Amino acid sequence: MGIFYQFCLAVSAGVVLGFLGGAIKAICRKKGYSQQQVTQARKALARAARVAKYLTFLGLALGLIWCVYFLVLGAVSPGQAEYANNMSELIVAVLTVISIVFAFLEFLKHADG
């Protein structure tokens, strides 16, 4: 577990340094885009949002199925109630993050148009 902790620490430091470097680069250099590049980016974003919508709904449907399963498991087998509760919480947490990413993509799609 210590190695995994060190790995996560190193990746986190790399991400923070990368974001800081990207922010400094963006501040120092402003880039202009042609109308064609803007149009292509909007089309790509619309396609990504469409794919994300279906993947999000797939994840939500599967999450509902498995949360119901773990609810029934906890009710039928009281010895596994804590396990079932923890698994349901994990599923809900993952689906929350996925839904937030989808909402952000939809926001970007509608903010430009």
N, C-alpha and C. Protein backbone atom coordinates (compact mmCIF):
# COMPACT_ATOMS: atom_id res chain seq x y z
N MET A 1 0.82 -1.19 0.00
CA MET A 1 0.00 0.00 0.00
C MET A 1 0.86 1.25 0.00
N GLY A 2 2.05 1.15 0.59
CA GLY A 2 2.96 2.28 0.63
C GLY A 2 3.43 2.68 -0.76
N ILE A 3 3.67 1.68 -1.61
CA ILE A 3 4.10 1.96 -2.99
C ILE A 3 2.98 2.65 -3.75
N PHE A 4 1.76 2.18 -3.56
CA PHE A 4 0.62 2.80 -4.24
C PHE A 4 0.43 4.23 -3.77
N TYR A 5 0.63 4.48 -2.47
CA TYR A 5 0.53 5.84 -1.93
C TYR A 5 1.58 6.74 -2.57
N GLN A 6 2.82 6.25 -2.67
CA GLN A 6 3.89 7.04 -3.29
C GLN A 6 3.59 7.31 -4.76
N PHE A 7 3.03 6.32 -5.45
CA PHE A 7 2.65 6.49 -6.85
C PHE A 7 1.59 7.58 -6.99
N CYS A 8 0.56 7.52 -6.15
CA CYS A 8 -0.51 8.54 -6.21
C CYS A 8 0.03 9.92 -5.86
N LEU A 9 0.95 9.98 -4.92
CA LEU A 9 1.58 11.25 -4.55
C LEU A 9 2.37 11.82 -5.72
N ALA A 10 3.14 10.97 -6.40
CA ALA A 10 3.94 11.42 -7.54
C ALA A 10 3.05 11.87 -8.70
N VAL A 11 1.99 11.12 -8.98
CA VAL A 11 1.08 11.51 -10.06
C VAL A 11 0.39 12.82 -9.72
N SER A 12 -0.02 12.99 -8.48
CA SER A 12 -0.66 14.24 -8.06
C SER A 12 0.28 15.43 -8.22
N ALA A 13 1.54 15.25 -7.81
CA ALA A 13 2.52 16.33 -7.97
C ALA A 13 2.73 16.65 -9.45
N GLY A 14 2.79 15.63 -10.29
CA GLY A 14 2.94 15.84 -11.73
C GLY A 14 1.77 16.59 -12.33
N VAL A 15 0.57 16.25 -11.90
CA VAL A 15 -0.63 16.93 -12.41
C VAL A 15 -0.64 18.39 -11.98
N VAL A 16 -0.31 18.66 -10.72
CA VAL A 16 -0.29 20.04 -10.23
C VAL A 16 0.76 20.85 -10.98
N LEU A 17 1.96 20.30 -11.14
CA LEU A 17 3.01 21.01 -11.87
C LEU A 17 2.63 21.22 -13.34
N GLY A 18 1.99 20.23 -13.94
CA GLY A 18 1.53 20.37 -15.32
C GLY A 18 0.49 21.46 -15.48
N PHE A 19 -0.45 21.52 -14.54
CA PHE A 19 -1.46 22.58 -14.59
C PHE A 19 -0.83 23.95 -14.41
N LEU A 20 0.11 24.06 -13.47
CA LEU A 20 0.78 25.34 -13.27
C LEU A 20 1.57 25.75 -14.51
N GLY A 21 2.30 24.80 -15.10
CA GLY A 21 3.04 25.09 -16.32
C GLY A 21 2.13 25.49 -17.46
N GLY A 22 1.01 24.81 -17.60
CA GLY A 22 0.04 25.16 -18.64
C GLY A 22 -0.57 26.53 -18.43
N ALA A 23 -0.83 26.86 -17.17
CA ALA A 23 -1.40 28.18 -16.87
C ALA A 23 -0.40 29.29 -17.19
N ILE A 24 0.86 29.08 -16.83
CA ILE A 24 1.89 30.08 -17.14
C ILE A 24 2.05 30.23 -18.64
N LYS A 25 2.04 29.12 -19.35
CA LYS A 25 2.15 29.16 -20.81
C LYS A 25 0.97 29.90 -21.43
N ALA A 26 -0.24 29.64 -20.93
CA ALA A 26 -1.43 30.30 -21.47
C ALA A 26 -1.42 31.80 -21.19
N ILE A 27 -0.90 32.20 -20.04
CA ILE A 27 -0.84 33.62 -19.70
C ILE A 27 0.18 34.34 -20.58
N CYS A 28 1.31 33.70 -20.82
CA CYS A 28 2.39 34.33 -21.58
C CYS A 28 2.09 34.40 -23.07
N ARG A 29 1.30 33.49 -23.58
CA ARG A 29 1.10 33.42 -25.02
C ARG A 29 -0.39 33.28 -25.33
N LYS A 30 -0.95 34.29 -25.96
CA LYS A 30 -2.34 34.24 -26.39
C LYS A 30 -2.37 33.76 -27.83
N LYS A 31 -3.25 32.82 -28.10
CA LYS A 31 -3.32 32.25 -29.44
C LYS A 31 -4.65 32.60 -30.07
N GLY A 32 -4.60 33.04 -31.31
CA GLY A 32 -5.83 33.34 -32.05
C GLY A 32 -6.21 32.16 -32.93
N TYR A 33 -7.48 31.91 -33.05
CA TYR A 33 -7.97 30.79 -33.84
C TYR A 33 -8.79 31.31 -35.00
N SER A 34 -8.68 30.62 -36.13
CA SER A 34 -9.48 31.00 -37.30
C SER A 34 -10.92 30.53 -37.09
N GLN A 35 -11.82 31.05 -37.89
CA GLN A 35 -13.23 30.67 -37.78
C GLN A 35 -13.40 29.18 -38.09
N GLN A 36 -12.62 28.66 -39.02
CA GLN A 36 -12.70 27.24 -39.36
C GLN A 36 -12.27 26.37 -38.17
N GLN A 37 -11.22 26.77 -37.47
CA GLN A 37 -10.78 26.01 -36.30
C GLN A 37 -11.82 26.05 -35.19
N VAL A 38 -12.46 27.18 -35.00
CA VAL A 38 -13.50 27.30 -33.98
C VAL A 38 -14.69 26.40 -34.33
N THR A 39 -15.07 26.39 -35.60
CA THR A 39 -16.19 25.55 -36.05
C THR A 39 -15.86 24.08 -35.87
N GLN A 40 -14.64 23.68 -36.22
CA GLN A 40 -14.24 22.28 -36.06
C GLN A 40 -14.23 21.88 -34.58
N ALA A 41 -13.77 22.77 -33.73
CA ALA A 41 -13.75 22.48 -32.30
C ALA A 41 -15.17 22.32 -31.75
N ARG A 42 -16.08 23.16 -32.20
CA ARG A 42 -17.48 23.05 -31.74
C ARG A 42 -18.11 21.74 -32.19
N LYS A 43 -17.81 21.33 -33.44
CA LYS A 43 -18.35 20.06 -33.94
C LYS A 43 -17.79 18.89 -33.15
N ALA A 44 -16.49 18.94 -32.85
CA ALA A 44 -15.87 17.86 -32.07
C ALA A 44 -16.45 17.81 -30.66
N LEU A 45 -16.68 18.97 -30.07
CA LEU A 45 -17.27 19.02 -28.73
C LEU A 45 -18.69 18.48 -28.74
N ALA A 46 -19.44 18.80 -29.79
CA ALA A 46 -20.82 18.28 -29.89
C ALA A 46 -20.82 16.76 -30.01
N ARG A 47 -19.88 16.22 -30.80
CA ARG A 47 -19.78 14.76 -30.93
C ARG A 47 -19.39 14.13 -29.59
N ALA A 48 -18.42 14.73 -28.91
CA ALA A 48 -17.99 14.19 -27.61
C ALA A 48 -19.13 14.24 -26.60
N ALA A 49 -19.91 15.31 -26.61
CA ALA A 49 -21.04 15.43 -25.69
C ALA A 49 -22.11 14.38 -25.99
N ARG A 50 -22.31 14.10 -27.27
CA ARG A 50 -23.30 13.09 -27.66
C ARG A 50 -22.87 11.70 -27.16
N VAL A 51 -21.60 11.37 -27.35
CA VAL A 51 -21.09 10.09 -26.88
C VAL A 51 -21.14 10.02 -25.35
N ALA A 52 -20.74 11.12 -24.70
CA ALA A 52 -20.75 11.16 -23.24
C ALA A 52 -22.17 10.99 -22.69
N LYS A 53 -23.16 11.52 -23.40
CA LYS A 53 -24.54 11.39 -22.94
C LYS A 53 -24.95 9.93 -22.90
N TYR A 54 -24.68 9.19 -23.96
CA TYR A 54 -25.08 7.79 -23.99
C TYR A 54 -24.28 6.95 -23.01
N LEU A 55 -22.99 7.24 -22.86
CA LEU A 55 -22.19 6.50 -21.88
C LEU A 55 -22.65 6.81 -20.45
N THR A 56 -23.04 8.05 -20.20
CA THR A 56 -23.53 8.42 -18.88
C THR A 56 -24.84 7.71 -18.57
N PHE A 57 -25.75 7.69 -19.53
CA PHE A 57 -27.02 7.00 -19.30
C PHE A 57 -26.81 5.50 -19.13
N LEU A 58 -25.86 4.92 -19.87
CA LEU A 58 -25.54 3.51 -19.68
C LEU A 58 -25.02 3.27 -18.27
N GLY A 59 -24.10 4.12 -17.82
CA GLY A 59 -23.57 3.99 -16.46
C GLY A 59 -24.64 4.16 -15.40
N LEU A 60 -25.54 5.13 -15.60
CA LEU A 60 -26.62 5.34 -14.63
C LEU A 60 -27.56 4.14 -14.58
N ALA A 61 -27.87 3.56 -15.73
CA ALA A 61 -28.75 2.40 -15.76
C ALA A 61 -28.09 1.20 -15.06
N LEU A 62 -26.82 0.96 -15.38
CA LEU A 62 -26.11 -0.14 -14.72
C LEU A 62 -25.97 0.12 -13.22
N GLY A 63 -25.72 1.37 -12.86
CA GLY A 63 -25.62 1.72 -11.44
C GLY A 63 -26.93 1.47 -10.70
N LEU A 64 -28.04 1.80 -11.34
CA LEU A 64 -29.34 1.54 -10.73
C LEU A 64 -29.55 0.05 -10.51
N ILE A 65 -29.23 -0.74 -11.53
CA ILE A 65 -29.40 -2.20 -11.42
C ILE A 65 -28.58 -2.75 -10.26
N TRP A 66 -27.30 -2.35 -10.19
CA TRP A 66 -26.43 -2.90 -9.15
C TRP A 66 -26.74 -2.34 -7.77
N CYS A 67 -27.19 -1.11 -7.68
CA CYS A 67 -27.59 -0.58 -6.38
C CYS A 67 -28.82 -1.31 -5.85
N VAL A 68 -29.76 -1.64 -6.74
CA VAL A 68 -30.93 -2.43 -6.33
C VAL A 68 -30.48 -3.81 -5.88
N TYR A 69 -29.53 -4.41 -6.61
CA TYR A 69 -29.01 -5.72 -6.22
C TYR A 69 -28.42 -5.67 -4.81
N PHE A 70 -27.57 -4.66 -4.56
CA PHE A 70 -26.95 -4.58 -3.24
C PHE A 70 -27.96 -4.22 -2.15
N LEU A 71 -29.01 -3.48 -2.49
CA LEU A 71 -30.08 -3.21 -1.54
C LEU A 71 -30.77 -4.52 -1.14
N VAL A 72 -31.09 -5.34 -2.13
CA VAL A 72 -31.73 -6.63 -1.86
C VAL A 72 -30.77 -7.54 -1.10
N LEU A 73 -29.50 -7.54 -1.48
CA LEU A 73 -28.50 -8.37 -0.79
C LEU A 73 -28.43 -7.99 0.69
N GLY A 74 -28.42 -6.69 0.98
CA GLY A 74 -28.37 -6.26 2.37
C GLY A 74 -29.62 -6.62 3.14
N ALA A 75 -30.77 -6.62 2.46
CA ALA A 75 -32.03 -6.96 3.13
C ALA A 75 -32.15 -8.46 3.36
N VAL A 76 -31.71 -9.26 2.39
CA VAL A 76 -31.86 -10.71 2.47
C VAL A 76 -30.79 -11.33 3.37
N SER A 77 -29.58 -10.81 3.28
CA SER A 77 -28.46 -11.36 4.06
C SER A 77 -27.90 -10.28 4.98
N PRO A 78 -28.43 -10.19 6.21
CA PRO A 78 -27.98 -9.12 7.12
C PRO A 78 -26.48 -9.15 7.42
N GLY A 79 -25.85 -10.30 7.29
CA GLY A 79 -24.42 -10.39 7.53
C GLY A 79 -23.60 -9.64 6.48
N GLN A 80 -24.17 -9.46 5.32
CA GLN A 80 -23.47 -8.75 4.25
C GLN A 80 -24.01 -7.33 4.04
N ALA A 81 -24.76 -6.84 5.00
CA ALA A 81 -25.38 -5.51 4.86
C ALA A 81 -24.32 -4.42 4.77
N GLU A 82 -23.26 -4.50 5.57
CA GLU A 82 -22.23 -3.47 5.53
C GLU A 82 -21.50 -3.49 4.18
N TYR A 83 -21.18 -4.68 3.69
CA TYR A 83 -20.54 -4.81 2.38
C TYR A 83 -21.44 -4.23 1.29
N ALA A 84 -22.72 -4.58 1.33
CA ALA A 84 -23.66 -4.09 0.32
C ALA A 84 -23.78 -2.57 0.38
N ASN A 85 -23.81 -2.02 1.57
CA ASN A 85 -23.89 -0.57 1.73
C ASN A 85 -22.64 0.10 1.17
N ASN A 86 -21.47 -0.44 1.47
CA ASN A 86 -20.22 0.14 0.97
C ASN A 86 -20.15 0.08 -0.56
N MET A 87 -20.57 -1.02 -1.13
CA MET A 87 -20.55 -1.14 -2.59
C MET A 87 -21.51 -0.15 -3.24
N SER A 88 -22.68 0.01 -2.64
CA SER A 88 -23.65 0.98 -3.17
C SER A 88 -23.10 2.40 -3.10
N GLU A 89 -22.44 2.73 -1.99
CA GLU A 89 -21.84 4.06 -1.86
C GLU A 89 -20.75 4.27 -2.91
N LEU A 90 -19.96 3.24 -3.18
CA LEU A 90 -18.91 3.34 -4.19
C LEU A 90 -19.51 3.56 -5.57
N ILE A 91 -20.56 2.83 -5.90
CA ILE A 91 -21.22 2.99 -7.20
C ILE A 91 -21.77 4.41 -7.34
N VAL A 92 -22.43 4.89 -6.30
CA VAL A 92 -23.00 6.24 -6.36
C VAL A 92 -21.91 7.29 -6.49
N ALA A 93 -20.80 7.11 -5.80
CA ALA A 93 -19.70 8.08 -5.90
C ALA A 93 -19.13 8.14 -7.31
N VAL A 94 -18.91 6.98 -7.92
CA VAL A 94 -18.38 6.94 -9.29
C VAL A 94 -19.37 7.56 -10.26
N LEU A 95 -20.64 7.24 -10.12
CA LEU A 95 -21.64 7.80 -11.03
C LEU A 95 -21.80 9.30 -10.84
N THR A 96 -21.58 9.80 -9.64
CA THR A 96 -21.64 11.24 -9.41
C THR A 96 -20.54 11.95 -10.18
N VAL A 97 -19.33 11.40 -10.14
CA VAL A 97 -18.22 12.00 -10.88
C VAL A 97 -18.50 11.96 -12.38
N ILE A 98 -19.00 10.84 -12.88
CA ILE A 98 -19.31 10.72 -14.31
C ILE A 98 -20.38 11.73 -14.69
N SER A 99 -21.39 11.91 -13.86
CA SER A 99 -22.46 12.87 -14.16
C SER A 99 -21.94 14.30 -14.16
N ILE A 100 -21.01 14.61 -13.28
CA ILE A 100 -20.43 15.95 -13.25
C ILE A 100 -19.65 16.23 -14.52
N VAL A 101 -18.89 15.25 -14.98
CA VAL A 101 -18.13 15.42 -16.24
C VAL A 101 -19.10 15.63 -17.40
N PHE A 102 -20.18 14.85 -17.45
CA PHE A 102 -21.17 15.00 -18.51
C PHE A 102 -21.82 16.38 -18.45
N ALA A 103 -22.16 16.85 -17.26
CA ALA A 103 -22.77 18.17 -17.13
C ALA A 103 -21.81 19.26 -17.59
N PHE A 104 -20.53 19.11 -17.31
CA PHE A 104 -19.54 20.09 -17.75
C PHE A 104 -19.45 20.11 -19.27
N LEU A 105 -19.46 18.93 -19.91
CA LEU A 105 -19.43 18.89 -21.38
C LEU A 105 -20.68 19.55 -21.97
N GLU A 106 -21.83 19.30 -21.37
CA GLU A 106 -23.05 19.94 -21.86
C GLU A 106 -22.99 21.46 -21.67
N PHE A 107 -22.43 21.90 -20.55
CA PHE A 107 -22.28 23.33 -20.32
C PHE A 107 -21.39 23.95 -21.38
N LEU A 108 -20.27 23.30 -21.68
CA LEU A 108 -19.38 23.82 -22.71
C LEU A 108 -20.06 23.87 -24.07
N LYS A 109 -20.85 22.84 -24.37
CA LYS A 109 -21.54 22.78 -25.66
C LYS A 109 -22.54 23.92 -25.80
N HIS A 110 -23.27 24.22 -24.74
CA HIS A 110 -24.30 25.26 -24.81
C HIS A 110 -23.77 26.66 -24.55
N ALA A 111 -22.63 26.77 -23.89
CA ALA A 111 -22.06 28.09 -23.60
C ALA A 111 -21.54 28.76 -24.87
N ASP A 112 -21.02 27.98 -25.81
CA ASP A 112 -20.48 28.55 -27.04
C ASP A 112 -21.57 28.84 -28.06
N GLY A 113 -22.63 28.05 -28.05
CA GLY A 113 -23.66 28.19 -29.07
C GLY A 113 -24.69 29.14 -28.63
